[in-house]
Each structure stands twice: as C-alpha cells, then as structure tokens.
Amino acid sequence: MIKAHAGRLRVHELACTFAADAARLARTFQGPGQLERGAQEAITHLRVAGALDPVHHRAISALEDRVVLISKMIGRLHAHPPPVR
C-alpha cells in the first residue's frame, strides 16, 4: 500500500486555501447573524475534515460538538441578552 502525505496532496492544499478564504469571508459578515454564520462555516469545515481523516475523526467530532454548543449558546444569548445593570 502506498501512503501519501496529506500536506503534499493538491486537494489538501486547495482545501486549506478554501478554509482560509472562508475564515476571511466570515470575518466580513455583518448584522445579527454574523457569529452564527461564522460558526456554521467552522462546523462545515470540521465535518469535511472528519470525513477525510478517519484517524482523527473522534477528535474532530469532539471539536465540532463544542462549536455547535458554543454557537447555540451565542444564539440564545443574542436572543435573550442579560438585563443591563
């Protein structure tokens, strides 16, 4: 069996470039949905990474779960902000 180094694969290079571009784009989002859209980008990238890397799937899935939880918490906080003191 021939094993390839992921960092040397063209598809890996393109995926990394795409992820960096998506992160830059997410920073430009404005308005109330800004954080949720950025979180959704992160979740999507983690799902793709988990599917492509079965060795690290468990760790990537744990990160994805945390991002989902954080996104939900931010959404709830935005919908129901704490009272101003």
PDB file of N, CA and C in Angstrom:
ATOM      1  N   MET A   1       0.836  -1.164   0.000  1.00  0.00           N
ATOM      2  CA  MET A   1       0.000   0.000   0.000  1.00  0.00           C
ATOM      3  C   MET A   1       0.891   1.240   0.000  1.00  0.00           C
ATOM      4  N   ILE A   2       0.552   2.184  -0.845  1.00  0.00           N
ATOM      5  CA  ILE A   2       1.287   3.444  -0.917  1.00  0.00           C
ATOM      6  C   ILE A   2       0.520   4.471  -0.097  1.00  0.00           C
ATOM      7  N   LYS A   3       1.238   5.139   0.790  1.00  0.00           N
ATOM      8  CA  LYS A   3       0.609   6.173   1.609  1.00  0.00           C
ATOM      9  C   LYS A   3       1.117   7.531   1.150  1.00  0.00           C
ATOM     10  N   ALA A   4       0.209   8.488   1.072  1.00  0.00           N
ATOM     11  CA  ALA A   4       0.574   9.846   0.662  1.00  0.00           C
ATOM     12  C   ALA A   4       0.565  10.761   1.880  1.00  0.00           C
ATOM     13  N   HIS A   5       1.448  11.715   1.879  1.00  0.00           N
ATOM     14  CA  HIS A   5       1.481  12.718   2.934  1.00  0.00           C
ATOM     15  C   HIS A   5       0.429  13.769   2.594  1.00  0.00           C
ATOM     16  N   ALA A   6      -0.531  13.980   3.501  1.00  0.00           N
ATOM     17  CA  ALA A   6      -1.664  14.874   3.220  1.00  0.00           C
ATOM     18  C   ALA A   6      -1.215  16.276   2.855  1.00  0.00           C
ATOM     19  N   GLY A   7      -0.163  16.765   3.497  1.00  0.00           N
ATOM     20  CA  GLY A   7       0.313  18.114   3.215  1.00  0.00           C
ATOM     21  C   GLY A   7       0.850  18.300   1.810  1.00  0.00           C
ATOM     22  N   ARG A   8       1.164  17.203   1.142  1.00  0.00           N
ATOM     23  CA  ARG A   8       1.710  17.291  -0.215  1.00  0.00           C
ATOM     24  C   ARG A   8       0.655  17.065  -1.295  1.00  0.00           C
ATOM     25  N   LEU A   9      -0.539  16.727  -0.902  1.00  0.00           N
ATOM     26  CA  LEU A   9      -1.591  16.485  -1.876  1.00  0.00           C
ATOM     27  C   LEU A   9      -2.205  17.806  -2.336  1.00  0.00           C
ATOM     28  N   ARG A  10      -2.452  17.919  -3.616  1.00  0.00           N
ATOM     29  CA  ARG A  10      -3.046  19.146  -4.178  1.00  0.00           C
ATOM     30  C   ARG A  10      -4.420  19.405  -3.583  1.00  0.00           C
ATOM     31  N   VAL A  11      -5.208  18.360  -3.364  1.00  0.00           N
ATOM     32  CA  VAL A  11      -6.543  18.549  -2.815  1.00  0.00           C
ATOM     33  C   VAL A  11      -6.455  19.101  -1.389  1.00  0.00           C
ATOM     34  N   HIS A  12      -5.456  18.673  -0.637  1.00  0.00           N
ATOM     35  CA  HIS A  12      -5.262  19.201   0.721  1.00  0.00           C
ATOM     36  C   HIS A  12      -4.904  20.681   0.669  1.00  0.00           C
ATOM     37  N   GLU A  13      -4.026  21.012  -0.260  1.00  0.00           N
ATOM     38  CA  GLU A  13      -3.626  22.415  -0.422  1.00  0.00           C
ATOM     39  C   GLU A  13      -4.834  23.278  -0.787  1.00  0.00           C
ATOM     40  N   LEU A  14      -5.655  22.796  -1.699  1.00  0.00           N
ATOM     41  CA  LEU A  14      -6.857  23.543  -2.093  1.00  0.00           C
ATOM     42  C   LEU A  14      -7.840  23.671  -0.931  1.00  0.00           C
ATOM     43  N   ALA A  15      -7.996  22.602  -0.159  1.00  0.00           N
ATOM     44  CA  ALA A  15      -8.910  22.636   0.980  1.00  0.00           C
ATOM     45  C   ALA A  15      -8.433  23.641   2.027  1.00  0.00           C
ATOM     46  N   CYS A  16      -7.130  23.678   2.271  1.00  0.00           N
ATOM     47  CA  CYS A  16      -6.584  24.636   3.239  1.00  0.00           C
ATOM     48  C   CYS A  16      -6.777  26.073   2.757  1.00  0.00           C
ATOM     49  N   THR A  17      -6.548  26.286   1.478  1.00  0.00           N
ATOM     50  CA  THR A  17      -6.763  27.622   0.909  1.00  0.00           C
ATOM     51  C   THR A  17      -8.230  28.018   1.021  1.00  0.00           C
ATOM     52  N   PHE A  18      -9.109  27.080   0.706  1.00  0.00           N
ATOM     53  CA  PHE A  18     -10.543  27.342   0.810  1.00  0.00           C
ATOM     54  C   PHE A  18     -10.936  27.669   2.245  1.00  0.00           C
ATOM     55  N   ALA A  19     -10.408  26.906   3.213  1.00  0.00           N
ATOM     56  CA  ALA A  19     -10.733  27.146   4.616  1.00  0.00           C
ATOM     57  C   ALA A  19     -10.268  28.532   5.053  1.00  0.00           C
ATOM     58  N   ALA A  20      -9.068  28.924   4.628  1.00  0.00           N
ATOM     59  CA  ALA A  20      -8.560  30.255   4.970  1.00  0.00           C
ATOM     60  C   ALA A  20      -9.424  31.342   4.333  1.00  0.00           C
ATOM     61  N   ASP A  21      -9.814  31.146   3.075  1.00  0.00           N
ATOM     62  CA  ASP A  21     -10.683  32.117   2.401  1.00  0.00           C
ATOM     63  C   ASP A  21     -12.044  32.209   3.091  1.00  0.00           C
ATOM     64  N   ALA A  22     -12.588  31.072   3.503  1.00  0.00           N
ATOM     65  CA  ALA A  22     -13.880  31.067   4.190  1.00  0.00           C
ATOM     66  C   ALA A  22     -13.784  31.793   5.530  1.00  0.00           C
ATOM     67  N   ALA A  23     -12.683  31.608   6.229  1.00  0.00           N
ATOM     68  CA  ALA A  23     -12.497  32.302   7.513  1.00  0.00           C
ATOM     69  C   ALA A  23     -12.413  33.809   7.295  1.00  0.00           C
ATOM     70  N   ARG A  24     -11.684  34.219   6.247  1.00  0.00           N
ATOM     71  CA  ARG A  24     -11.611  35.655   5.943  1.00  0.00           C
ATOM     72  C   ARG A  24     -12.986  36.205   5.579  1.00  0.00           C
ATOM     73  N   LEU A  25     -13.749  35.450   4.805  1.00  0.00           N
ATOM     74  CA  LEU A  25     -15.092  35.871   4.429  1.00  0.00           C
ATOM     75  C   LEU A  25     -15.990  35.977   5.657  1.00  0.00           C
ATOM     76  N   ALA A  26     -15.895  35.018   6.562  1.00  0.00           N
ATOM     77  CA  ALA A  26     -16.733  35.029   7.762  1.00  0.00           C
ATOM     78  C   ALA A  26     -16.468  36.267   8.606  1.00  0.00           C
ATOM     79  N   ARG A  27     -15.251  36.779   8.590  1.00  0.00           N
ATOM     80  CA  ARG A  27     -14.933  37.991   9.353  1.00  0.00           C
ATOM     81  C   ARG A  27     -15.641  39.218   8.790  1.00  0.00           C
ATOM     82  N   THR A  28     -16.051  39.169   7.529  1.00  0.00           N
ATOM     83  CA  THR A  28     -16.712  40.321   6.916  1.00  0.00           C
ATOM     84  C   THR A  28     -18.218  40.324   7.142  1.00  0.00           C
ATOM     85  N   PHE A  29     -18.772  39.243   7.692  1.00  0.00           N
ATOM     86  CA  PHE A  29     -20.205  39.182   7.919  1.00  0.00           C
ATOM     87  C   PHE A  29     -20.620  40.278   8.889  1.00  0.00           C
ATOM     88  N   GLN A  30     -21.746  40.903   8.616  1.00  0.00           N
ATOM     89  CA  GLN A  30     -22.268  41.982   9.453  1.00  0.00           C
ATOM     90  C   GLN A  30     -23.683  41.624   9.898  1.00  0.00           C
ATOM     91  N   GLY A  31     -24.132  42.259  10.954  1.00  0.00           N
ATOM     92  CA  GLY A  31     -25.516  42.084  11.387  1.00  0.00           C
ATOM     93  C   GLY A  31     -25.664  41.035  12.466  1.00  0.00           C
ATOM     94  N   PRO A  32     -26.923  40.808  12.856  1.00  0.00           N
ATOM     95  CA  PRO A  32     -27.183  39.915  13.985  1.00  0.00           C
ATOM     96  C   PRO A  32     -26.792  38.466  13.754  1.00  0.00           C
ATOM     97  N   GLY A  33     -26.727  38.008  12.534  1.00  0.00           N
ATOM     98  CA  GLY A  33     -26.378  36.621  12.265  1.00  0.00           C
ATOM     99  C   GLY A  33     -24.897  36.391  12.044  1.00  0.00           C
ATOM    100  N   GLN A  34     -24.106  37.413  12.273  1.00  0.00           N
ATOM    101  CA  GLN A  34     -22.675  37.368  11.996  1.00  0.00           C
ATOM    102  C   GLN A  34     -21.979  36.191  12.665  1.00  0.00           C
ATOM    103  N   LEU A  35     -22.168  36.013  13.947  1.00  0.00           N
ATOM    104  CA  LEU A  35     -21.464  34.958  14.669  1.00  0.00           C
ATOM    105  C   LEU A  35     -21.976  33.574  14.285  1.00  0.00           C
ATOM    106  N   GLU A  36     -23.270  33.460  14.052  1.00  0.00           N
ATOM    107  CA  GLU A  36     -23.829  32.166  13.684  1.00  0.00           C
ATOM    108  C   GLU A  36     -23.313  31.706  12.327  1.00  0.00           C
ATOM    109  N   ARG A  37     -23.174  32.642  11.388  1.00  0.00           N
ATOM    110  CA  ARG A  37     -22.661  32.263  10.062  1.00  0.00           C
ATOM    111  C   ARG A  37     -21.210  31.836  10.145  1.00  0.00           C
ATOM    112  N   GLY A  38     -20.420  32.535  10.962  1.00  0.00           N
ATOM    113  CA  GLY A  38     -19.027  32.149  11.151  1.00  0.00           C
ATOM    114  C   GLY A  38     -18.919  30.775  11.791  1.00  0.00           C
ATOM    115  N   ALA A  39     -19.786  30.509  12.769  1.00  0.00           N
ATOM    116  CA  ALA A  39     -19.783  29.200  13.434  1.00  0.00           C
ATOM    117  C   ALA A  39     -20.207  28.109  12.453  1.00  0.00           C
ATOM    118  N   GLN A  40     -21.178  28.411  11.600  1.00  0.00           N
ATOM    119  CA  GLN A  40     -21.626  27.416  10.628  1.00  0.00           C
ATOM    120  C   GLN A  40     -20.507  27.068   9.652  1.00  0.00           C
ATOM    121  N   GLU A  41     -19.700  28.071   9.276  1.00  0.00           N
ATOM    122  CA  GLU A  41     -18.539  27.804   8.421  1.00  0.00           C
ATOM    123  C   GLU A  41     -17.582  26.844   9.119  1.00  0.00           C
ATOM    124  N   ALA A  42     -17.318  27.098  10.395  1.00  0.00           N
ATOM    125  CA  ALA A  42     -16.399  26.238  11.152  1.00  0.00           C
ATOM    126  C   ALA A  42     -16.936  24.809  11.244  1.00  0.00           C
ATOM    127  N   ILE A  43     -18.235  24.681  11.514  1.00  0.00           N
ATOM    128  CA  ILE A  43     -18.858  23.357  11.619  1.00  0.00           C
ATOM    129  C   ILE A  43     -18.738  22.599  10.300  1.00  0.00           C
ATOM    130  N   THR A  44     -18.984  23.293   9.210  1.00  0.00           N
ATOM    131  CA  THR A  44     -18.883  22.668   7.891  1.00  0.00           C
ATOM    132  C   THR A  44     -17.461  22.167   7.634  1.00  0.00           C
ATOM    133  N   HIS A  45     -16.470  22.979   7.953  1.00  0.00           N
ATOM    134  CA  HIS A  45     -15.081  22.578   7.732  1.00  0.00           C
ATOM    135  C   HIS A  45     -14.699  21.400   8.616  1.00  0.00           C
ATOM    136  N   LEU A  46     -15.180  21.394   9.838  1.00  0.00           N
ATOM    137  CA  LEU A  46     -14.880  20.271  10.725  1.00  0.00           C
ATOM    138  C   LEU A  46     -15.525  18.983  10.223  1.00  0.00           C
ATOM    139  N   ARG A  47     -16.737  19.072   9.687  1.00  0.00           N
ATOM    140  CA  ARG A  47     -17.398  17.875   9.139  1.00  0.00           C
ATOM    141  C   ARG A  47     -16.616  17.316   7.956  1.00  0.00           C
ATOM    142  N   VAL A  48     -16.146  18.205   7.096  1.00  0.00           N
ATOM    143  CA  VAL A  48     -15.355  17.763   5.948  1.00  0.00           C
ATOM    144  C   VAL A  48     -14.044  17.139   6.424  1.00  0.00           C
ATOM    145  N   ALA A  49     -13.391  17.787   7.380  1.00  0.00           N
ATOM    146  CA  ALA A  49     -12.124  17.261   7.902  1.00  0.00           C
ATOM    147  C   ALA A  49     -12.330  15.891   8.543  1.00  0.00           C
ATOM    148  N   GLY A  50     -13.420  15.731   9.293  1.00  0.00           N
ATOM    149  CA  GLY A  50     -13.704  14.446   9.927  1.00  0.00           C
ATOM    150  C   GLY A  50     -13.948  13.341   8.924  1.00  0.00           C
ATOM    151  N   ALA A  51     -14.603  13.694   7.833  1.00  0.00           N
ATOM    152  CA  ALA A  51     -14.877  12.700   6.795  1.00  0.00           C
ATOM    153  C   ALA A  51     -13.607  12.310   6.044  1.00  0.00           C
ATOM    154  N   LEU A  52     -12.682  13.245   5.910  1.00  0.00           N
ATOM    155  CA  LEU A  52     -11.456  12.976   5.161  1.00  0.00           C
ATOM    156  C   LEU A  52     -10.351  12.339   5.994  1.00  0.00           C
ATOM    157  N   ASP A  53     -10.458  12.441   7.315  1.00  0.00           N
ATOM    158  CA  ASP A  53      -9.387  11.946   8.176  1.00  0.00           C
ATOM    159  C   ASP A  53      -9.951  10.988   9.226  1.00  0.00           C
ATOM    160  N   PRO A  54     -10.118   9.720   8.858  1.00  0.00           N
ATOM    161  CA  PRO A  54     -10.707   8.766   9.798  1.00  0.00           C
ATOM    162  C   PRO A  54      -9.866   8.535  11.052  1.00  0.00           C
ATOM    163  N   VAL A  55      -8.568   8.773  10.976  1.00  0.00           N
ATOM    164  CA  VAL A  55      -7.702   8.585  12.132  1.00  0.00           C
ATOM    165  C   VAL A  55      -8.033   9.589  13.238  1.00  0.00           C
ATOM    166  N   HIS A  56      -8.327  10.818  12.852  1.00  0.00           N
ATOM    167  CA  HIS A  56      -8.606  11.878  13.818  1.00  0.00           C
ATOM    168  C   HIS A  56     -10.095  12.211  13.910  1.00  0.00           C
ATOM    169  N   HIS A  57     -10.930  11.348  13.349  1.00  0.00           N
ATOM    170  CA  HIS A  57     -12.363  11.626  13.298  1.00  0.00           C
ATOM    171  C   HIS A  57     -12.960  11.902  14.679  1.00  0.00           C
ATOM    172  N   ARG A  58     -12.556  11.116  15.669  1.00  0.00           N
ATOM    173  CA  ARG A  58     -13.118  11.277  17.015  1.00  0.00           C
ATOM    174  C   ARG A  58     -12.783  12.650  17.604  1.00  0.00           C
ATOM    175  N   ALA A  59     -11.544  13.085  17.474  1.00  0.00           N
ATOM    176  CA  ALA A  59     -11.125  14.390  17.993  1.00  0.00           C
ATOM    177  C   ALA A  59     -11.800  15.522  17.235  1.00  0.00           C
ATOM    178  N   ILE A  60     -11.895  15.377  15.926  1.00  0.00           N
ATOM    179  CA  ILE A  60     -12.543  16.397  15.102  1.00  0.00           C
ATOM    180  C   ILE A  60     -14.022  16.474  15.449  1.00  0.00           C
ATOM    181  N   SER A  61     -14.652  15.331  15.664  1.00  0.00           N
ATOM    182  CA  SER A  61     -16.065  15.306  16.039  1.00  0.00           C
ATOM    183  C   SER A  61     -16.293  15.995  17.389  1.00  0.00           C
ATOM    184  N   ALA A  62     -15.364  15.803  18.318  1.00  0.00           N
ATOM    185  CA  ALA A  62     -15.474  16.477  19.618  1.00  0.00           C
ATOM    186  C   ALA A  62     -15.377  17.989  19.447  1.00  0.00           C
ATOM    187  N   LEU A  63     -14.476  18.445  18.580  1.00  0.00           N
ATOM    188  CA  LEU A  63     -14.376  19.874  18.299  1.00  0.00           C
ATOM    189  C   LEU A  63     -15.665  20.391  17.667  1.00  0.00           C
ATOM    190  N   GLU A  64     -16.196  19.620  16.737  1.00  0.00           N
ATOM    191  CA  GLU A  64     -17.451  20.002  16.081  1.00  0.00           C
ATOM    192  C   GLU A  64     -18.571  20.141  17.105  1.00  0.00           C
ATOM    193  N   ASP A  65     -18.652  19.196  18.026  1.00  0.00           N
ATOM    194  CA  ASP A  65     -19.690  19.262  19.073  1.00  0.00           C
ATOM    195  C   ASP A  65     -19.548  20.528  19.908  1.00  0.00           C
ATOM    196  N   ARG A  66     -18.299  20.887  20.235  1.00  0.00           N
ATOM    197  CA  ARG A  66     -18.078  22.103  21.023  1.00  0.00           C
ATOM    198  C   ARG A  66     -18.473  23.353  20.254  1.00  0.00           C
ATOM    199  N   VAL A  67     -18.151  23.393  18.951  1.00  0.00           N
ATOM    200  CA  VAL A  67     -18.516  24.552  18.138  1.00  0.00           C
ATOM    201  C   VAL A  67     -20.032  24.677  18.050  1.00  0.00           C
ATOM    202  N   VAL A  68     -20.732  23.555  17.898  1.00  0.00           N
ATOM    203  CA  VAL A  68     -22.200  23.572  17.847  1.00  0.00           C
ATOM    204  C   VAL A  68     -22.757  24.112  19.159  1.00  0.00           C
ATOM    205  N   LEU A  69     -22.219  23.633  20.279  1.00  0.00           N
ATOM    206  CA  LEU A  69     -22.684  24.098  21.586  1.00  0.00           C
ATOM    207  C   LEU A  69     -22.435  25.596  21.758  1.00  0.00           C
ATOM    208  N   ILE A  70     -21.250  26.042  21.405  1.00  0.00           N
ATOM    209  CA  ILE A  70     -20.927  27.463  21.519  1.00  0.00           C
ATOM    210  C   ILE A  70     -21.843  28.296  20.633  1.00  0.00           C
ATOM    211  N   SER A  71     -22.096  27.816  19.418  1.00  0.00           N
ATOM    212  CA  SER A  71     -22.992  28.535  18.504  1.00  0.00           C
ATOM    213  C   SER A  71     -24.389  28.658  19.085  1.00  0.00           C
ATOM    214  N   LYS A  72     -24.889  27.578  19.669  1.00  0.00           N
ATOM    215  CA  LYS A  72     -26.219  27.621  20.281  1.00  0.00           C
ATOM    216  C   LYS A  72     -26.247  28.588  21.464  1.00  0.00           C
ATOM    217  N   MET A  73     -25.195  28.558  22.274  1.00  0.00           N
ATOM    218  CA  MET A  73     -25.132  29.449  23.425  1.00  0.00           C
ATOM    219  C   MET A  73     -25.102  30.916  22.994  1.00  0.00           C
ATOM    220  N   ILE A  74     -24.339  31.225  21.951  1.00  0.00           N
ATOM    221  CA  ILE A  74     -24.269  32.593  21.444  1.00  0.00           C
ATOM    222  C   ILE A  74     -25.627  33.015  20.897  1.00  0.00           C
ATOM    223  N   GLY A  75     -26.280  32.106  20.163  1.00  0.00           N
ATOM    224  CA  GLY A  75     -27.607  32.409  19.626  1.00  0.00           C
ATOM    225  C   GLY A  75     -28.619  32.698  20.724  1.00  0.00           C
ATOM    226  N   ARG A  76     -28.599  31.883  21.769  1.00  0.00           N
ATOM    227  CA  ARG A  76     -29.519  32.110  22.895  1.00  0.00           C
ATOM    228  C   ARG A  76     -29.213  33.417  23.612  1.00  0.00           C
ATOM    229  N   LEU A  77     -27.924  33.706  23.785  1.00  0.00           N
ATOM    230  CA  LEU A  77     -27.531  34.932  24.449  1.00  0.00           C
ATOM    231  C   LEU A  77     -27.942  36.138  23.625  1.00  0.00           C
ATOM    232  N   HIS A  78     -27.795  36.028  22.314  1.00  0.00           N
ATOM    233  CA  HIS A  78     -28.195  37.135  21.431  1.00  0.00           C
ATOM    234  C   HIS A  78     -29.721  37.322  21.465  1.00  0.00           C
ATOM    235  N   ALA A  79     -30.475  36.227  21.482  1.00  0.00           N
ATOM    236  CA  ALA A  79     -31.944  36.305  21.501  1.00  0.00           C
ATOM    237  C   ALA A  79     -32.469  36.798  22.847  1.00  0.00           C
ATOM    238  N   HIS A  80     -31.762  36.453  23.918  1.00  0.00           N
ATOM    239  CA  HIS A  80     -32.208  36.818  25.280  1.00  0.00           C
ATOM    240  C   HIS A  80     -31.028  37.374  26.053  1.00  0.00           C
ATOM    241  N   PRO A  81     -30.635  38.618  25.754  1.00  0.00           N
ATOM    242  CA  PRO A  81     -29.481  39.181  26.439  1.00  0.00           C
ATOM    243  C   PRO A  81     -29.748  39.382  27.937  1.00  0.00           C
ATOM    244  N   PRO A  82     -28.701  39.343  28.736  1.00  0.00           N
ATOM    245  CA  PRO A  82     -28.908  39.556  30.177  1.00  0.00           C
ATOM    246  C   PRO A  82     -29.339  41.011  30.417  1.00  0.00           C
ATOM    247  N   PRO A  83     -30.054  41.245  31.511  1.00  0.00           N
ATOM    248  CA  PRO A  83     -30.509  42.605  31.792  1.00  0.00           C
ATOM    249  C   PRO A  83     -29.319  43.530  32.055  1.00  0.00           C
ATOM    250  N   VAL A  84     -29.487  44.769  31.642  1.00  0.00           N
ATOM    251  CA  VAL A  84     -28.453  45.780  31.878  1.00  0.00           C
ATOM    252  C   VAL A  84     -28.536  46.210  33.329  1.00  0.00           C
ATOM    253  N   ARG A  85     -27.399  46.278  33.982  1.00  0.00           N
ATOM    254  CA  ARG A  85     -27.393  46.677  35.397  1.00  0.00           C
ATOM    255  C   ARG A  85     -27.125  48.135  35.565  1.00  0.00           C
TER     256      ARG A  85
END
